[in-house]
Amino acid sequence: MIIWDTIFDIFLFVDIIIKLSSAFVKNSQLIDERVQIIINALKDGLVIDLICVIPWYAVYTQLMWFRILRLLQVNQLRTAMENAVLGI
């Protein structure tokens, strides 16, 4: 189980890096300013991603419910990977 947790943590960490380094389109304009990218990432759930990446349950076992947040990220990560493969 630890191996799968580590692999999933790596995927989430890579997702965070991609969110913080990718430009986005807003009102038919390409936004590539670092501050705007960070603000967009924060609106898009960056805080939840950061909480999910930290293994809180390993530090304090009563925080095991943080693993539920990780499960919620699975669907979002799957959708992002499908969009990347399909080129959407």
PDB file of N, CA and C in Angstrom:
ATOM      1  N   MET A   1       0.819  -1.195   0.000  1.00  0.00           N
ATOM      2  CA  MET A   1       0.000   0.000   0.000  1.00  0.00           C
ATOM      3  C   MET A   1       0.863   1.260   0.000  1.00  0.00           C
ATOM      4  N   ILE A   2       1.994   1.200   0.660  1.00  0.00           N
ATOM      5  CA  ILE A   2       2.884   2.355   0.736  1.00  0.00           C
ATOM      6  C   ILE A   2       3.414   2.709  -0.651  1.00  0.00           C
ATOM      7  N   ILE A   3       3.688   1.713  -1.473  1.00  0.00           N
ATOM      8  CA  ILE A   3       4.193   1.972  -2.821  1.00  0.00           C
ATOM      9  C   ILE A   3       3.149   2.745  -3.628  1.00  0.00           C
ATOM     10  N   TRP A   4       1.878   2.317  -3.559  1.00  0.00           N
ATOM     11  CA  TRP A   4       0.821   3.008  -4.303  1.00  0.00           C
ATOM     12  C   TRP A   4       0.614   4.417  -3.769  1.00  0.00           C
ATOM     13  N   ASP A   5       0.708   4.604  -2.465  1.00  0.00           N
ATOM     14  CA  ASP A   5       0.595   5.947  -1.895  1.00  0.00           C
ATOM     15  C   ASP A   5       1.709   6.846  -2.411  1.00  0.00           C
ATOM     16  N   THR A   6       2.918   6.311  -2.478  1.00  0.00           N
ATOM     17  CA  THR A   6       4.057   7.089  -2.964  1.00  0.00           C
ATOM     18  C   THR A   6       3.892   7.447  -4.433  1.00  0.00           C
ATOM     19  N   ILE A   7       3.455   6.491  -5.240  1.00  0.00           N
ATOM     20  CA  ILE A   7       3.241   6.762  -6.664  1.00  0.00           C
ATOM     21  C   ILE A   7       2.172   7.834  -6.843  1.00  0.00           C
ATOM     22  N   PHE A   8       1.083   7.712  -6.089  1.00  0.00           N
ATOM     23  CA  PHE A   8       0.020   8.708  -6.187  1.00  0.00           C
ATOM     24  C   PHE A   8       0.502  10.080  -5.727  1.00  0.00           C
ATOM     25  N   ASP A   9       1.302  10.118  -4.663  1.00  0.00           N
ATOM     26  CA  ASP A   9       1.867  11.394  -4.205  1.00  0.00           C
ATOM     27  C   ASP A   9       2.743  12.032  -5.285  1.00  0.00           C
ATOM     28  N   ILE A  10       3.497  11.211  -5.995  1.00  0.00           N
ATOM     29  CA  ILE A  10       4.339  11.727  -7.082  1.00  0.00           C
ATOM     30  C   ILE A  10       3.469  12.327  -8.182  1.00  0.00           C
ATOM     31  N   PHE A  11       2.383  11.634  -8.549  1.00  0.00           N
ATOM     32  CA  PHE A  11       1.471  12.171  -9.561  1.00  0.00           C
ATOM     33  C   PHE A  11       0.867  13.502  -9.119  1.00  0.00           C
ATOM     34  N   LEU A  12       0.452  13.581  -7.863  1.00  0.00           N
ATOM     35  CA  LEU A  12      -0.109  14.842  -7.359  1.00  0.00           C
ATOM     36  C   LEU A  12       0.932  15.953  -7.350  1.00  0.00           C
ATOM     37  N   PHE A  13       2.158  15.617  -6.981  1.00  0.00           N
ATOM     38  CA  PHE A  13       3.220  16.623  -6.960  1.00  0.00           C
ATOM     39  C   PHE A  13       3.511  17.134  -8.371  1.00  0.00           C
ATOM     40  N   VAL A  14       3.553  16.226  -9.338  1.00  0.00           N
ATOM     41  CA  VAL A  14       3.769  16.635 -10.733  1.00  0.00           C
ATOM     42  C   VAL A  14       2.609  17.503 -11.208  1.00  0.00           C
ATOM     43  N   ASP A  15       1.390  17.158 -10.805  1.00  0.00           N
ATOM     44  CA  ASP A  15       0.215  17.958 -11.153  1.00  0.00           C
ATOM     45  C   ASP A  15       0.341  19.380 -10.601  1.00  0.00           C
ATOM     46  N   ILE A  16       0.823  19.517  -9.390  1.00  0.00           N
ATOM     47  CA  ILE A  16       1.026  20.846  -8.791  1.00  0.00           C
ATOM     48  C   ILE A  16       2.050  21.637  -9.587  1.00  0.00           C
ATOM     49  N   ILE A  17       3.140  20.999  -9.955  1.00  0.00           N
ATOM     50  CA  ILE A  17       4.183  21.688 -10.732  1.00  0.00           C
ATOM     51  C   ILE A  17       3.638  22.132 -12.084  1.00  0.00           C
ATOM     52  N   ILE A  18       2.850  21.268 -12.727  1.00  0.00           N
ATOM     53  CA  ILE A  18       2.277  21.619 -14.029  1.00  0.00           C
ATOM     54  C   ILE A  18       1.306  22.788 -13.884  1.00  0.00           C
ATOM     55  N   LYS A  19       0.474  22.759 -12.834  1.00  0.00           N
ATOM     56  CA  LYS A  19      -0.461  23.872 -12.613  1.00  0.00           C
ATOM     57  C   LYS A  19       0.262  25.193 -12.416  1.00  0.00           C
ATOM     58  N   LEU A  20       1.399  25.156 -11.732  1.00  0.00           N
ATOM     59  CA  LEU A  20       2.124  26.388 -11.434  1.00  0.00           C
ATOM     60  C   LEU A  20       3.026  26.853 -12.579  1.00  0.00           C
ATOM     61  N   SER A  21       3.158  26.044 -13.613  1.00  0.00           N
ATOM     62  CA  SER A  21       4.042  26.448 -14.709  1.00  0.00           C
ATOM     63  C   SER A  21       3.340  26.495 -16.061  1.00  0.00           C
ATOM     64  N   SER A  22       2.023  26.372 -16.069  1.00  0.00           N
ATOM     65  CA  SER A  22       1.284  26.362 -17.332  1.00  0.00           C
ATOM     66  C   SER A  22       0.481  27.646 -17.517  1.00  0.00           C
ATOM     67  N   ALA A  23       0.620  28.217 -18.702  1.00  0.00           N
ATOM     68  CA  ALA A  23      -0.196  29.378 -19.057  1.00  0.00           C
ATOM     69  C   ALA A  23      -1.623  28.905 -19.289  1.00  0.00           C
ATOM     70  N   PHE A  24      -2.561  29.837 -19.296  1.00  0.00           N
ATOM     71  CA  PHE A  24      -3.960  29.487 -19.527  1.00  0.00           C
ATOM     72  C   PHE A  24      -4.613  30.563 -20.380  1.00  0.00           C
ATOM     73  N   VAL A  25      -5.773  30.228 -20.931  1.00  0.00           N
ATOM     74  CA  VAL A  25      -6.501  31.151 -21.796  1.00  0.00           C
ATOM     75  C   VAL A  25      -7.682  31.716 -21.021  1.00  0.00           C
ATOM     76  N   LYS A  26      -7.816  33.048 -21.083  1.00  0.00           N
ATOM     77  CA  LYS A  26      -8.934  33.726 -20.427  1.00  0.00           C
ATOM     78  C   LYS A  26      -9.412  34.823 -21.372  1.00  0.00           C
ATOM     79  N   ASN A  27     -10.697  34.796 -21.689  1.00  0.00           N
ATOM     80  CA  ASN A  27     -11.284  35.769 -22.618  1.00  0.00           C
ATOM     81  C   ASN A  27     -10.520  35.824 -23.933  1.00  0.00           C
ATOM     82  N   SER A  28     -10.195  34.670 -24.472  1.00  0.00           N
ATOM     83  CA  SER A  28      -9.482  34.522 -25.753  1.00  0.00           C
ATOM     84  C   SER A  28      -8.092  35.135 -25.743  1.00  0.00           C
ATOM     85  N   GLN A  29      -7.499  35.290 -24.558  1.00  0.00           N
ATOM     86  CA  GLN A  29      -6.133  35.802 -24.456  1.00  0.00           C
ATOM     87  C   GLN A  29      -5.289  34.825 -23.649  1.00  0.00           C
ATOM     88  N   LEU A  30      -4.064  34.644 -24.092  1.00  0.00           N
ATOM     89  CA  LEU A  30      -3.136  33.767 -23.393  1.00  0.00           C
ATOM     90  C   LEU A  30      -2.548  34.519 -22.203  1.00  0.00           C
ATOM     91  N   ILE A  31      -2.732  33.975 -21.019  1.00  0.00           N
ATOM     92  CA  ILE A  31      -2.203  34.579 -19.802  1.00  0.00           C
ATOM     93  C   ILE A  31      -0.963  33.786 -19.405  1.00  0.00           C
ATOM     94  N   ASP A  32       0.206  34.451 -19.434  1.00  0.00           N
ATOM     95  CA  ASP A  32       1.443  33.764 -19.076  1.00  0.00           C
ATOM     96  C   ASP A  32       2.223  34.482 -17.975  1.00  0.00           C
ATOM     97  N   GLU A  33       1.592  35.410 -17.296  1.00  0.00           N
ATOM     98  CA  GLU A  33       2.237  36.097 -16.177  1.00  0.00           C
ATOM     99  C   GLU A  33       2.206  35.192 -14.956  1.00  0.00           C
ATOM    100  N   ARG A  34       3.334  35.083 -14.281  1.00  0.00           N
ATOM    101  CA  ARG A  34       3.478  34.160 -13.150  1.00  0.00           C
ATOM    102  C   ARG A  34       2.444  34.422 -12.057  1.00  0.00           C
ATOM    103  N   VAL A  35       2.206  35.682 -11.712  1.00  0.00           N
ATOM    104  CA  VAL A  35       1.252  36.014 -10.647  1.00  0.00           C
ATOM    105  C   VAL A  35      -0.159  35.563 -11.025  1.00  0.00           C
ATOM    106  N   GLN A  36      -0.557  35.802 -12.254  1.00  0.00           N
ATOM    107  CA  GLN A  36      -1.883  35.393 -12.716  1.00  0.00           C
ATOM    108  C   GLN A  36      -2.019  33.869 -12.738  1.00  0.00           C
ATOM    109  N   ILE A  37      -0.933  33.180 -13.101  1.00  0.00           N
ATOM    110  CA  ILE A  37      -0.954  31.712 -13.111  1.00  0.00           C
ATOM    111  C   ILE A  37      -1.147  31.184 -11.692  1.00  0.00           C
ATOM    112  N   ILE A  38      -0.461  31.775 -10.731  1.00  0.00           N
ATOM    113  CA  ILE A  38      -0.593  31.344  -9.337  1.00  0.00           C
ATOM    114  C   ILE A  38      -1.998  31.628  -8.817  1.00  0.00           C
ATOM    115  N   ILE A  39      -2.539  32.788  -9.129  1.00  0.00           N
ATOM    116  CA  ILE A  39      -3.907  33.115  -8.697  1.00  0.00           C
ATOM    117  C   ILE A  39      -4.899  32.135  -9.304  1.00  0.00           C
ATOM    118  N   ASN A  40      -4.728  31.816 -10.589  1.00  0.00           N
ATOM    119  CA  ASN A  40      -5.610  30.853 -11.246  1.00  0.00           C
ATOM    120  C   ASN A  40      -5.480  29.471 -10.606  1.00  0.00           C
ATOM    121  N   ALA A  41      -4.262  29.067 -10.272  1.00  0.00           N
ATOM    122  CA  ALA A  41      -4.054  27.764  -9.635  1.00  0.00           C
ATOM    123  C   ALA A  41      -4.707  27.721  -8.257  1.00  0.00           C
ATOM    124  N   LEU A  42      -4.629  28.811  -7.520  1.00  0.00           N
ATOM    125  CA  LEU A  42      -5.274  28.868  -6.202  1.00  0.00           C
ATOM    126  C   LEU A  42      -6.789  28.746  -6.334  1.00  0.00           C
ATOM    127  N   LYS A  43      -7.347  29.384  -7.352  1.00  0.00           N
ATOM    128  CA  LYS A  43      -8.790  29.264  -7.586  1.00  0.00           C
ATOM    129  C   LYS A  43      -9.167  27.867  -8.044  1.00  0.00           C
ATOM    130  N   ASP A  44      -8.239  27.189  -8.680  1.00  0.00           N
ATOM    131  CA  ASP A  44      -8.499  25.865  -9.247  1.00  0.00           C
ATOM    132  C   ASP A  44      -8.265  24.738  -8.243  1.00  0.00           C
ATOM    133  N   GLY A  45      -7.971  25.050  -6.995  1.00  0.00           N
ATOM    134  CA  GLY A  45      -7.842  24.016  -5.973  1.00  0.00           C
ATOM    135  C   GLY A  45      -6.424  23.651  -5.596  1.00  0.00           C
ATOM    136  N   LEU A  46      -5.495  24.573  -5.744  1.00  0.00           N
ATOM    137  CA  LEU A  46      -4.105  24.295  -5.398  1.00  0.00           C
ATOM    138  C   LEU A  46      -3.944  23.980  -3.912  1.00  0.00           C
ATOM    139  N   VAL A  47      -4.715  24.637  -3.065  1.00  0.00           N
ATOM    140  CA  VAL A  47      -4.613  24.410  -1.622  1.00  0.00           C
ATOM    141  C   VAL A  47      -4.980  22.966  -1.287  1.00  0.00           C
ATOM    142  N   ILE A  48      -6.034  22.457  -1.911  1.00  0.00           N
ATOM    143  CA  ILE A  48      -6.436  21.065  -1.677  1.00  0.00           C
ATOM    144  C   ILE A  48      -5.354  20.118  -2.178  1.00  0.00           C
ATOM    145  N   ASP A  49      -4.754  20.433  -3.317  1.00  0.00           N
ATOM    146  CA  ASP A  49      -3.662  19.602  -3.825  1.00  0.00           C
ATOM    147  C   ASP A  49      -2.500  19.563  -2.836  1.00  0.00           C
ATOM    148  N   LEU A  50      -2.147  20.707  -2.283  1.00  0.00           N
ATOM    149  CA  LEU A  50      -1.047  20.756  -1.324  1.00  0.00           C
ATOM    150  C   LEU A  50      -1.368  19.968  -0.057  1.00  0.00           C
ATOM    151  N   ILE A  51      -2.601  20.081   0.408  1.00  0.00           N
ATOM    152  CA  ILE A  51      -3.008  19.313   1.594  1.00  0.00           C
ATOM    153  C   ILE A  51      -2.960  17.821   1.305  1.00  0.00           C
ATOM    154  N   CYS A  52      -3.335  17.434   0.102  1.00  0.00           N
ATOM    155  CA  CYS A  52      -3.354  16.010  -0.255  1.00  0.00           C
ATOM    156  C   CYS A  52      -1.959  15.421  -0.390  1.00  0.00           C
ATOM    157  N   VAL A  53      -0.999  16.224  -0.800  1.00  0.00           N
ATOM    158  CA  VAL A  53       0.348  15.716  -1.018  1.00  0.00           C
ATOM    159  C   VAL A  53       1.074  15.435   0.306  1.00  0.00           C
ATOM    160  N   ILE A  54       0.774  16.198   1.326  1.00  0.00           N
ATOM    161  CA  ILE A  54       1.446  16.011   2.617  1.00  0.00           C
ATOM    162  C   ILE A  54       0.845  14.791   3.317  1.00  0.00           C
ATOM    163  N   PRO A  55       1.662  13.826   3.710  1.00  0.00           N
ATOM    164  CA  PRO A  55       1.124  12.624   4.373  1.00  0.00           C
ATOM    165  C   PRO A  55       0.830  12.879   5.853  1.00  0.00           C
ATOM    166  N   TRP A  56      -0.235  13.592   6.129  1.00  0.00           N
ATOM    167  CA  TRP A  56      -0.600  13.947   7.508  1.00  0.00           C
ATOM    168  C   TRP A  56      -0.797  12.715   8.371  1.00  0.00           C
ATOM    169  N   TYR A  57      -1.366  11.671   7.797  1.00  0.00           N
ATOM    170  CA  TYR A  57      -1.668  10.462   8.548  1.00  0.00           C
ATOM    171  C   TYR A  57      -0.407   9.763   9.049  1.00  0.00           C
ATOM    172  N   ALA A  58       0.719   9.972   8.374  1.00  0.00           N
ATOM    173  CA  ALA A  58       1.975   9.361   8.819  1.00  0.00           C
ATOM    174  C   ALA A  58       2.520  10.067  10.053  1.00  0.00           C
ATOM    175  N   VAL A  59       2.224  11.348  10.183  1.00  0.00           N
ATOM    176  CA  VAL A  59       2.707  12.123  11.317  1.00  0.00           C
ATOM    177  C   VAL A  59       1.817  11.912  12.535  1.00  0.00           C
ATOM    178  N   TYR A  60       0.522  11.949  12.309  1.00  0.00           N
ATOM    179  CA  TYR A  60      -0.430  11.859  13.410  1.00  0.00           C
ATOM    180  C   TYR A  60      -1.587  10.978  12.950  1.00  0.00           C
ATOM    181  N   THR A  61      -1.700   9.796  13.500  1.00  0.00           N
ATOM    182  CA  THR A  61      -2.634   8.796  12.980  1.00  0.00           C
ATOM    183  C   THR A  61      -4.101   9.221  13.048  1.00  0.00           C
ATOM    184  N   GLN A  62      -4.454  10.150  13.918  1.00  0.00           N
ATOM    185  CA  GLN A  62      -5.846  10.577  13.994  1.00  0.00           C
ATOM    186  C   GLN A  62      -6.245  11.482  12.830  1.00  0.00           C
ATOM    187  N   LEU A  63      -5.286  11.876  12.024  1.00  0.00           N
ATOM    188  CA  LEU A  63      -5.584  12.680  10.836  1.00  0.00           C
ATOM    189  C   LEU A  63      -5.749  11.797   9.597  1.00  0.00           C
ATOM    190  N   MET A  64      -6.120  10.563   9.790  1.00  0.00           N
ATOM    191  CA  MET A  64      -6.308   9.627   8.688  1.00  0.00           C
ATOM    192  C   MET A  64      -7.398  10.088   7.726  1.00  0.00           C
ATOM    193  N   TRP A  65      -8.328  10.901   8.195  1.00  0.00           N
ATOM    194  CA  TRP A  65      -9.417  11.358   7.326  1.00  0.00           C
ATOM    195  C   TRP A  65      -8.917  12.268   6.209  1.00  0.00           C
ATOM    196  N   PHE A  66      -7.669  12.761   6.296  1.00  0.00           N
ATOM    197  CA  PHE A  66      -7.107  13.544   5.194  1.00  0.00           C
ATOM    198  C   PHE A  66      -6.951  12.683   3.938  1.00  0.00           C
ATOM    199  N   ARG A  67      -6.917  11.378   4.109  1.00  0.00           N
ATOM    200  CA  ARG A  67      -6.821  10.484   2.948  1.00  0.00           C
ATOM    201  C   ARG A  67      -8.061  10.597   2.068  1.00  0.00           C
ATOM    202  N   ILE A  68      -9.174  11.002   2.643  1.00  0.00           N
ATOM    203  CA  ILE A  68     -10.395  11.192   1.853  1.00  0.00           C
ATOM    204  C   ILE A  68     -10.173  12.282   0.811  1.00  0.00           C
ATOM    205  N   LEU A  69      -9.463  13.336   1.184  1.00  0.00           N
ATOM    206  CA  LEU A  69      -9.150  14.395   0.221  1.00  0.00           C
ATOM    207  C   LEU A  69      -8.344  13.841  -0.948  1.00  0.00           C
ATOM    208  N   ARG A  70      -7.450  12.922  -0.674  1.00  0.00           N
ATOM    209  CA  ARG A  70      -6.659  12.317  -1.739  1.00  0.00           C
ATOM    210  C   ARG A  70      -7.548  11.547  -2.697  1.00  0.00           C
ATOM    211  N   LEU A  71      -8.559  10.881  -2.164  1.00  0.00           N
ATOM    212  CA  LEU A  71      -9.473  10.141  -3.034  1.00  0.00           C
ATOM    213  C   LEU A  71     -10.253  11.080  -3.939  1.00  0.00           C
ATOM    214  N   LEU A  72     -10.598  12.248  -3.426  1.00  0.00           N
ATOM    215  CA  LEU A  72     -11.304  13.222  -4.253  1.00  0.00           C
ATOM    216  C   LEU A  72     -10.432  13.725  -5.400  1.00  0.00           C
ATOM    217  N   GLN A  73      -9.125  13.741  -5.185  1.00  0.00           N
ATOM    218  CA  GLN A  73      -8.217  14.211  -6.217  1.00  0.00           C
ATOM    219  C   GLN A  73      -8.036  13.190  -7.334  1.00  0.00           C
ATOM    220  N   VAL A  74      -8.331  11.935  -7.075  1.00  0.00           N
ATOM    221  CA  VAL A  74      -8.157  10.887  -8.091  1.00  0.00           C
ATOM    222  C   VAL A  74      -8.979  11.201  -9.328  1.00  0.00           C
ATOM    223  N   ASN A  75     -10.224  11.564  -9.142  1.00  0.00           N
ATOM    224  CA  ASN A  75     -11.088  11.853 -10.283  1.00  0.00           C
ATOM    225  C   ASN A  75     -10.587  13.072 -11.058  1.00  0.00           C
ATOM    226  N   GLN A  76     -10.164  14.098 -10.351  1.00  0.00           N
ATOM    227  CA  GLN A  76      -9.655  15.299 -11.016  1.00  0.00           C
ATOM    228  C   GLN A  76      -8.367  14.979 -11.783  1.00  0.00           C
ATOM    229  N   LEU A  77      -7.496  14.172 -11.192  1.00  0.00           N
ATOM    230  CA  LEU A  77      -6.251  13.794 -11.853  1.00  0.00           C
ATOM    231  C   LEU A  77      -6.524  12.937 -13.086  1.00  0.00           C
ATOM    232  N   ARG A  78      -7.498  12.011 -12.985  1.00  0.00           N
ATOM    233  CA  ARG A  78      -7.856  11.162 -14.126  1.00  0.00           C
ATOM    234  C   ARG A  78      -8.382  12.006 -15.279  1.00  0.00           C
ATOM    235  N   THR A  79      -9.240  12.972 -14.963  1.00  0.00           N
ATOM    236  CA  THR A  79      -9.786  13.845 -16.002  1.00  0.00           C
ATOM    237  C   THR A  79      -8.683  14.648 -16.669  1.00  0.00           C
ATOM    238  N   ALA A  80      -7.749  15.171 -15.883  1.00  0.00           N
ATOM    239  CA  ALA A  80      -6.643  15.951 -16.444  1.00  0.00           C
ATOM    240  C   ALA A  80      -5.761  15.095 -17.343  1.00  0.00           C
ATOM    241  N   MET A  81      -5.520  13.855 -16.939  1.00  0.00           N
ATOM    242  CA  MET A  81      -4.692  12.968 -17.755  1.00  0.00           C
ATOM    243  C   MET A  81      -5.408  12.602 -19.055  1.00  0.00           C
ATOM    244  N   GLU A  82      -6.718  12.366 -18.989  1.00  0.00           N
ATOM    245  CA  GLU A  82      -7.474  12.081 -20.201  1.00  0.00           C
ATOM    246  C   GLU A  82      -7.447  13.265 -21.151  1.00  0.00           C
ATOM    247  N   ASN A  83      -7.604  14.471 -20.622  1.00  0.00           N
ATOM    248  CA  ASN A  83      -7.559  15.670 -21.466  1.00  0.00           C
ATOM    249  C   ASN A  83      -6.188  15.853 -22.094  1.00  0.00           C
ATOM    250  N   ALA A  84      -5.133  15.539 -21.353  1.00  0.00           N
ATOM    251  CA  ALA A  84      -3.789  15.673 -21.898  1.00  0.00           C
ATOM    252  C   ALA A  84      -3.554  14.672 -23.028  1.00  0.00           C
ATOM    253  N   VAL A  85      -4.056  13.460 -22.864  1.00  0.00           N
ATOM    254  CA  VAL A  85      -3.872  12.432 -23.884  1.00  0.00           C
ATOM    255  C   VAL A  85      -4.694  12.768 -25.134  1.00  0.00           C
ATOM    256  N   LEU A  86      -5.924  13.251 -24.934  1.00  0.00           N
ATOM    257  CA  LEU A  86      -6.793  13.563 -26.060  1.00  0.00           C
ATOM    258  C   LEU A  86      -6.465  14.919 -26.707  1.00  0.00           C
ATOM    259  N   GLY A  87      -5.645  15.719 -26.022  1.00  0.00           N
ATOM    260  CA  GLY A  87      -5.274  17.017 -26.570  1.00  0.00           C
ATOM    261  C   GLY A  87      -6.344  18.071 -26.437  1.00  0.00           C
ATOM    262  N   ILE A  88      -7.190  17.950 -25.422  1.00  0.00           N
ATOM    263  CA  ILE A  88      -8.269  18.911 -25.212  1.00  0.00           C
ATOM    264  C   ILE A  88      -7.770  20.073 -24.402  1.00  0.00           C
TER     265      ILE A  88
END
